[in-house]
Amino acid sequence: MIKIALLFLLGYLGFRLLKAAILGNIRTVESNRREREPLADVMIQDPVCGVYFPQKSGFPLDVDGKTLYFCSAECREKFRGGKGEGDRS
C-alpha cells in the first residue's frame, strides 16, 4: 500500500514539474514577445501649440538628428518658419 502511495506521489510530482516546465516556457516566450513590441500609442506633446496627441498620428520632422512630432501639418510649418519660436523643449 505504501508503494502505491509513493508511486502515486512521484507521478503527481512529475506531472506538476513537467506542466510547470512546459507552461513556464510558453509564458516566457509570450512575455519576451510583449517586451519587443513597441507601445501602441504613446502620447506626446506638440512643441508649438502644446497639445497632446498619439505619436502614431503625428507629423514628423527631423531637426538636428532628433525627430520631432507635431499634431498637424500647420504646427510643423509654423515650427519650420519660426525655427523654435514656440519651441518649449
Protein backbone atom coordinates (compact mmCIF):
# COMPACT_ATOMS: atom_id res chain seq x y z
CA MET A 1 0.00 0.00 0.00
CA ILE A 2 2.86 2.37 0.82
CA LYS A 3 4.50 1.57 -2.53
CA ILE A 4 1.32 2.55 -4.38
CA ALA A 5 1.05 5.80 -2.41
CA LEU A 6 4.71 6.63 -3.12
CA LEU A 7 4.31 5.84 -6.83
CA PHE A 8 1.19 8.00 -6.97
CA LEU A 9 3.02 10.84 -5.19
CA LEU A 10 6.05 10.59 -7.51
CA GLY A 11 3.78 10.50 -10.56
CA TYR A 12 1.87 13.54 -9.34
CA LEU A 13 5.07 15.49 -8.62
CA GLY A 14 6.50 14.52 -12.01
CA PHE A 15 3.32 15.68 -13.71
CA ARG A 16 3.43 19.03 -11.86
CA LEU A 17 7.10 19.57 -12.75
CA LEU A 18 6.50 18.74 -16.40
CA LYS A 19 3.46 21.01 -16.53
CA ALA A 20 5.38 23.88 -14.88
CA ALA A 21 8.29 23.45 -17.30
CA ILE A 22 6.05 23.49 -20.37
CA LEU A 23 3.83 26.36 -19.23
CA GLY A 24 6.83 28.28 -17.91
CA ASN A 25 8.44 28.21 -21.36
CA ILE A 26 5.23 29.36 -23.02
CA ARG A 27 4.82 32.23 -20.57
CA THR A 28 8.46 33.25 -21.06
CA VAL A 29 8.07 33.34 -24.84
CA GLU A 30 4.88 35.42 -24.54
CA SER A 31 6.48 37.88 -22.13
CA ASN A 32 9.53 38.24 -24.41
CA ARG A 33 7.21 38.96 -27.32
CA ARG A 34 5.44 41.67 -25.34
CA GLU A 35 8.76 43.28 -24.39
CA ARG A 36 9.87 43.55 -28.03
CA GLU A 37 6.63 45.09 -29.32
CA PRO A 38 6.61 48.88 -29.41
CA LEU A 39 3.98 50.71 -27.44
CA ALA A 40 0.75 51.05 -29.34
CA ASP A 41 0.05 54.73 -28.66
CA VAL A 42 2.49 57.00 -26.89
CA MET A 43 1.07 60.39 -26.02
CA ILE A 44 3.48 63.21 -26.83
CA GLN A 45 3.26 66.99 -26.72
CA ASP A 46 3.39 69.26 -29.76
CA PRO A 47 6.37 71.63 -29.35
CA VAL A 48 4.45 74.52 -30.98
CA CYS A 49 0.93 74.52 -29.52
CA GLY A 50 1.39 72.17 -26.54
CA VAL A 51 -1.43 69.78 -27.49
CA TYR A 52 -1.01 66.11 -26.51
CA PHE A 53 -1.65 63.54 -29.25
CA PRO A 54 -0.77 59.92 -30.14
CA GLN A 55 2.69 59.69 -31.69
CA LYS A 56 1.33 57.44 -34.45
CA SER A 57 -0.87 60.22 -35.78
CA GLY A 58 1.81 62.91 -35.58
CA PHE A 59 3.60 64.75 -38.36
CA PRO A 60 7.36 64.05 -38.04
CA LEU A 61 10.19 66.47 -38.73
CA ASP A 62 13.91 65.69 -38.34
CA VAL A 63 15.77 68.51 -36.61
CA ASP A 64 19.47 68.16 -35.73
CA GLY A 65 19.28 64.35 -35.70
CA LYS A 66 16.16 64.29 -33.49
CA THR A 67 12.67 63.50 -34.72
CA LEU A 68 10.05 65.95 -33.51
CA TYR A 69 6.35 65.18 -33.88
CA PHE A 70 3.62 67.75 -34.44
CA CYS A 71 -0.15 67.49 -34.05
CA SER A 72 -0.78 68.94 -37.51
CA ALA A 73 0.98 69.97 -40.69
CA GLU A 74 0.21 73.60 -39.77
CA CYS A 75 2.13 73.35 -36.49
CA ARG A 76 5.02 71.68 -38.31
CA GLU A 77 5.12 74.53 -40.84
CA LYS A 78 4.94 77.14 -38.04
CA PHE A 79 7.94 75.46 -36.43
CA ARG A 80 9.85 75.42 -39.72
CA GLY A 81 9.02 79.07 -40.38
CA GLY A 82 9.73 80.36 -36.87
CA LYS A 83 12.55 77.86 -36.13
CA GLY A 84 11.75 77.33 -32.50
CA GLU A 85 9.65 80.44 -31.92
CA GLY A 86 7.16 78.37 -29.96
CA ASP A 87 9.63 75.62 -29.10
CA ARG A 88 9.26 74.58 -25.46
CA SER A 89 11.80 71.76 -25.44
